[in-house]
C-alpha atoms as a PDB file:
ATOM      1  CA  MET A   1       4.450 -41.784  68.488  1.00  0.00           C
ATOM      2  CA  THR A   2       0.719 -42.266  68.748  1.00  0.00           C
ATOM      3  CA  ARG A   3      -1.527 -43.953  66.238  1.00  0.00           C
ATOM      4  CA  LYS A   4      -2.971 -40.533  65.380  1.00  0.00           C
ATOM      5  CA  HIS A   5       0.503 -39.236  64.479  1.00  0.00           C
ATOM      6  CA  TRP A   6       1.212 -42.244  62.254  1.00  0.00           C
ATOM      7  CA  ILE A   7      -2.080 -41.798  60.425  1.00  0.00           C
ATOM      8  CA  CYS A   8      -1.281 -38.113  59.880  1.00  0.00           C
ATOM      9  CA  LEU A   9       2.201 -38.941  58.541  1.00  0.00           C
ATOM     10  CA  ILE A  10       0.844 -41.592  56.208  1.00  0.00           C
ATOM     11  CA  ILE A  11      -1.827 -39.230  54.887  1.00  0.00           C
ATOM     12  CA  VAL A  12       0.734 -36.477  54.278  1.00  0.00           C
ATOM     13  CA  GLY A  13       3.013 -39.016  52.561  1.00  0.00           C
ATOM     14  CA  ILE A  14       0.141 -40.122  50.330  1.00  0.00           C
ATOM     15  CA  ILE A  15      -0.561 -36.489  49.461  1.00  0.00           C
ATOM     16  CA  TYR A  16       3.087 -36.013  48.419  1.00  0.00           C
ATOM     17  CA  ALA A  17       2.838 -39.083  46.186  1.00  0.00           C
ATOM     18  CA  VAL A  18      -0.491 -38.018  44.661  1.00  0.00           C
ATOM     19  CA  VAL A  19       0.937 -34.572  43.916  1.00  0.00           C
ATOM     20  CA  GLY A  20       4.021 -36.068  42.248  1.00  0.00           C
ATOM     21  CA  ILE A  21       2.114 -38.658  40.234  1.00  0.00           C
ATOM     22  CA  GLY A  22      -0.762 -36.331  39.328  1.00  0.00           C
ATOM     23  CA  PHE A  23       1.356 -33.429  38.170  1.00  0.00           C
ATOM     24  CA  GLY A  24       3.683 -35.850  36.354  1.00  0.00           C
ATOM     25  CA  GLU A  25       0.767 -37.350  34.444  1.00  0.00           C
ATOM     26  CA  ILE A  26      -0.474 -33.902  33.464  1.00  0.00           C
ATOM     27  CA  ALA A  27       3.038 -32.888  32.398  1.00  0.00           C
ATOM     28  CA  LYS A  28       3.206 -35.927  30.074  1.00  0.00           C
ATOM     29  CA  ARG A  29      -0.040 -34.980  28.359  1.00  0.00           C
ATOM     30  CA  VAL A  30       0.596 -31.299  27.641  1.00  0.00           C
ATOM     31  CA  PRO A  31       2.895 -29.804  25.010  1.00  0.00           C
ATOM     32  CA  VAL A  32       6.585 -29.881  25.908  1.00  0.00           C
ATOM     33  CA  ASP A  33       6.756 -26.107  26.429  1.00  0.00           C
ATOM     34  CA  GLN A  34       4.043 -26.393  29.118  1.00  0.00           C
ATOM     35  CA  SER A  35       5.332 -29.519  30.862  1.00  0.00           C
ATOM     36  CA  ARG A  36       8.045 -27.591  32.683  1.00  0.00           C
ATOM     37  CA  ALA A  37       5.402 -25.368  34.291  1.00  0.00           C
ATOM     38  CA  TRP A  38       3.476 -28.432  35.484  1.00  0.00           C
ATOM     39  CA  ARG A  39       6.615 -29.952  36.987  1.00  0.00           C
ATOM     40  CA  LEU A  40       7.325 -26.661  38.728  1.00  0.00           C
ATOM     41  CA  GLY A  41       3.721 -26.731  39.925  1.00  0.00           C
ATOM     42  CA  ALA A  42       4.408 -30.108  41.545  1.00  0.00           C
ATOM     43  CA  TRP A  43       7.299 -28.561  43.466  1.00  0.00           C
ATOM     44  CA  VAL A  44       5.126 -25.644  44.559  1.00  0.00           C
ATOM     45  CA  ALA A  45       2.276 -27.930  45.621  1.00  0.00           C
ATOM     46  CA  SER A  46       4.695 -30.169  47.533  1.00  0.00           C
ATOM     47  CA  ALA A  47       6.179 -27.109  49.227  1.00  0.00           C
ATOM     48  CA  ALA A  48       2.669 -26.075  50.266  1.00  0.00           C
ATOM     49  CA  VAL A  49       2.025 -29.537  51.742  1.00  0.00           C
ATOM     50  CA  TYR A  50       5.378 -29.362  53.536  1.00  0.00           C
ATOM     51  CA  ALA A  51       4.647 -25.867  54.888  1.00  0.00           C
ATOM     52  CA  GLY A  52       1.225 -26.946  56.112  1.00  0.00           C
ATOM     53  CA  HIS A  53       2.608 -30.022  57.826  1.00  0.00           C
ATOM     54  CA  PHE A  54       5.514 -28.064  59.306  1.00  0.00           C
ATOM     55  CA  GLY A  55       3.189 -25.332  60.548  1.00  0.00           C
ATOM     56  CA  TYR A  56       0.832 -27.856  62.102  1.00  0.00           C
ATOM     57  CA  GLU A  57       3.644 -29.640  63.946  1.00  0.00           C
ATOM     58  CA  GLN A  58       5.489 -26.452  64.944  1.00  0.00           C
ATOM     59  CA  PHE A  59       2.663 -24.140  65.930  1.00  0.00           C
ATOM     60  CA  ARG A  60      -0.542 -26.122  66.395  1.00  0.00           C
ATOM     61  CA  ILE A  61       0.691 -29.051  68.460  1.00  0.00           C
ATOM     62  CA  GLU A  62       3.954 -27.346  69.456  1.00  0.00           C
ATOM     63  CA  GLN A  63       6.300 -30.284  69.078  1.00  0.00           C
ATOM     64  CA  ARG A  64       9.995 -30.014  69.867  1.00  0.00           C
ATOM     65  CA  SER A  65      12.277 -29.303  66.909  1.00  0.00           C
ATOM     66  CA  LEU A  66      13.635 -32.844  66.735  1.00  0.00           C
ATOM     67  CA  LYS A  67      10.127 -34.330  66.624  1.00  0.00           C
ATOM     68  CA  VAL A  68       8.974 -31.824  64.009  1.00  0.00           C
ATOM     69  CA  ALA A  69      11.973 -32.737  61.841  1.00  0.00           C
ATOM     70  CA  LEU A  70      11.498 -36.463  62.366  1.00  0.00           C
ATOM     71  CA  HIS A  71       7.808 -36.299  61.499  1.00  0.00           C
ATOM     72  CA  ALA A  72       8.479 -34.228  58.373  1.00  0.00           C
ATOM     73  CA  ALA A  73      11.211 -36.644  57.272  1.00  0.00           C
ATOM     74  CA  ILE A  74       8.963 -39.665  57.809  1.00  0.00           C
ATOM     75  CA  ALA A  75       6.106 -38.120  55.810  1.00  0.00           C
ATOM     76  CA  VAL A  76       8.432 -37.091  52.986  1.00  0.00           C
ATOM     77  CA  GLY A  77      10.084 -40.528  53.060  1.00  0.00           C
ATOM     78  CA  ILE A  78       6.687 -42.214  52.793  1.00  0.00           C
ATOM     79  CA  GLY A  79       5.929 -40.023  49.789  1.00  0.00           C
ATOM     80  CA  GLY A  80       9.265 -40.954  48.194  1.00  0.00           C
ATOM     81  CA  PHE A  81       8.617 -44.636  48.847  1.00  0.00           C
ATOM     82  CA  LEU A  82       5.159 -44.460  47.284  1.00  0.00           C
ATOM     83  CA  LEU A  83       6.574 -42.680  44.241  1.00  0.00           C
ATOM     84  CA  ALA A  84       9.152 -45.473  43.880  1.00  0.00           C
ATOM     85  CA  VAL A  85       6.378 -48.072  44.135  1.00  0.00           C
ATOM     86  CA  ALA A  86       4.379 -46.229  41.472  1.00  0.00           C
ATOM     87  CA  ALA A  87       7.420 -45.968  39.189  1.00  0.00           C
ATOM     88  CA  GLY A  88       8.147 -49.688  39.538  1.00  0.00           C
ATOM     89  CA  ALA A  89       4.514 -50.643  38.940  1.00  0.00           C
ATOM     90  CA  HIS A  90       4.405 -48.365  35.907  1.00  0.00           C
ATOM     91  CA  ALA A  91       7.546 -49.970  34.485  1.00  0.00           C
ATOM     92  CA  ILE A  92       6.095 -53.453  34.956  1.00  0.00           C
ATOM     93  CA  PHE A  93       2.736 -52.588  33.404  1.00  0.00           C
ATOM     94  CA  ILE A  94       4.161 -50.856  30.334  1.00  0.00           C
ATOM     95  CA  GLY A  95       6.835 -53.504  29.825  1.00  0.00           C
ATOM     96  CA  SER A  96       9.762 -51.149  30.298  1.00  0.00           C
ATOM     97  CA  GLN A  97      13.170 -52.202  29.006  1.00  0.00           C
ATOM     98  CA  ALA A  98      14.785 -50.785  32.155  1.00  0.00           C
ATOM     99  CA  GLN A  99      16.379 -53.216  34.570  1.00  0.00           C
ATOM    100  CA  LEU A 100      13.740 -53.901  37.204  1.00  0.00           C
ATOM    101  CA  TRP A 101      16.255 -54.258  40.041  1.00  0.00           C
ATOM    102  CA  LEU A 102      16.810 -50.500  39.759  1.00  0.00           C
ATOM    103  CA  TYR A 103      13.228 -49.963  40.890  1.00  0.00           C
ATOM    104  CA  GLY A 104      13.997 -52.103  43.929  1.00  0.00           C
ATOM    105  CA  VAL A 105      16.931 -49.820  44.714  1.00  0.00           C
ATOM    106  CA  ALA A 106      14.589 -46.846  44.328  1.00  0.00           C
ATOM    107  CA  LEU A 107      12.366 -48.264  47.094  1.00  0.00           C
ATOM    108  CA  ILE A 108      15.260 -47.641  49.482  1.00  0.00           C
ATOM    109  CA  ALA A 109      17.002 -44.702  47.812  1.00  0.00           C
ATOM    110  CA  TRP A 110      14.060 -42.362  47.186  1.00  0.00           C
ATOM    111  CA  PRO A 111      12.887 -42.247  50.812  1.00  0.00           C
ATOM    112  CA  ILE A 112      16.472 -41.586  51.904  1.00  0.00           C
ATOM    113  CA  PHE A 113      17.168 -38.964  49.224  1.00  0.00           C
ATOM    114  CA  THR A 114      13.962 -37.123  50.091  1.00  0.00           C
ATOM    115  CA  GLY A 115      13.671 -37.757  53.823  1.00  0.00           C
ATOM    116  CA  VAL A 116      17.203 -36.842  54.919  1.00  0.00           C
ATOM    117  CA  PRO A 117      17.173 -33.340  53.372  1.00  0.00           C
ATOM    118  CA  ALA A 118      13.650 -32.801  54.737  1.00  0.00           C
ATOM    119  CA  PHE A 119      14.915 -33.746  58.198  1.00  0.00           C
ATOM    120  CA  VAL A 120      17.869 -31.351  58.052  1.00  0.00           C
ATOM    121  CA  VAL A 121      15.905 -28.407  56.651  1.00  0.00           C
ATOM    122  CA  THR A 122      13.055 -28.914  59.095  1.00  0.00           C
ATOM    123  CA  LEU A 123      15.359 -29.289  62.085  1.00  0.00           C
ATOM    124  CA  VAL A 124      17.161 -26.034  61.279  1.00  0.00           C
ATOM    125  CA  ALA A 125      13.954 -24.132  60.489  1.00  0.00           C
ATOM    126  CA  SER A 126      12.168 -25.412  63.581  1.00  0.00           C
ATOM    127  CA  ALA A 127      15.092 -24.627  65.864  1.00  0.00           C
ATOM    128  CA  LEU A 128      15.365 -21.105  64.459  1.00  0.00           C
ATOM    129  CA  LEU A 129      11.644 -20.472  64.828  1.00  0.00           C
ATOM    130  CA  THR A 130      11.697 -21.821  68.367  1.00  0.00           C
ATOM    131  CA  ARG A 131      14.551 -19.445  69.263  1.00  0.00           C
ATOM    132  CA  LEU A 132      12.823 -16.499  67.623  1.00  0.00           C
ATOM    133  CA  ARG A 133       9.607 -17.202  69.511  1.00  0.00           C
ATOM    134  CA  ALA A 134      11.503 -17.560  72.793  1.00  0.00           C
ATOM    135  CA  ALA A 135      13.383 -14.278  72.182  1.00  0.00           C
ATOM    136  CA  GLY A 136      10.115 -12.504  71.420  1.00  0.00           C
ATOM    137  CA  LYS A 137       8.509 -13.500  74.727  1.00  0.00           C
END
């Protein structure tokens, strides 16, 4: 993978984290009946980032399905890692009563729990789109 690809994946991962943190902060500050809509908005915004990244990899630079899936999983995993870092930092700064070792586990678990499903979904979607495009030619 080139340096340009890594920079792209890191930027997309940062965007995922900013979306999660930003929408989460808004959801904490609005009335309870509105917070659900803001959390749903985070999912929609993340889906838009995912679709844009997927489309770029699949159609613009025409990567193979395995590479598209790997790149999506890495970007999503970076986002999950950054969210875990933010959660741990938040717990330290507010003096949370939670056991801090759990935030260390989250540094490993969140990238896995987000990246693996992203890999599987992207691999299937990319392979299907590749077959559909080949059948249409």
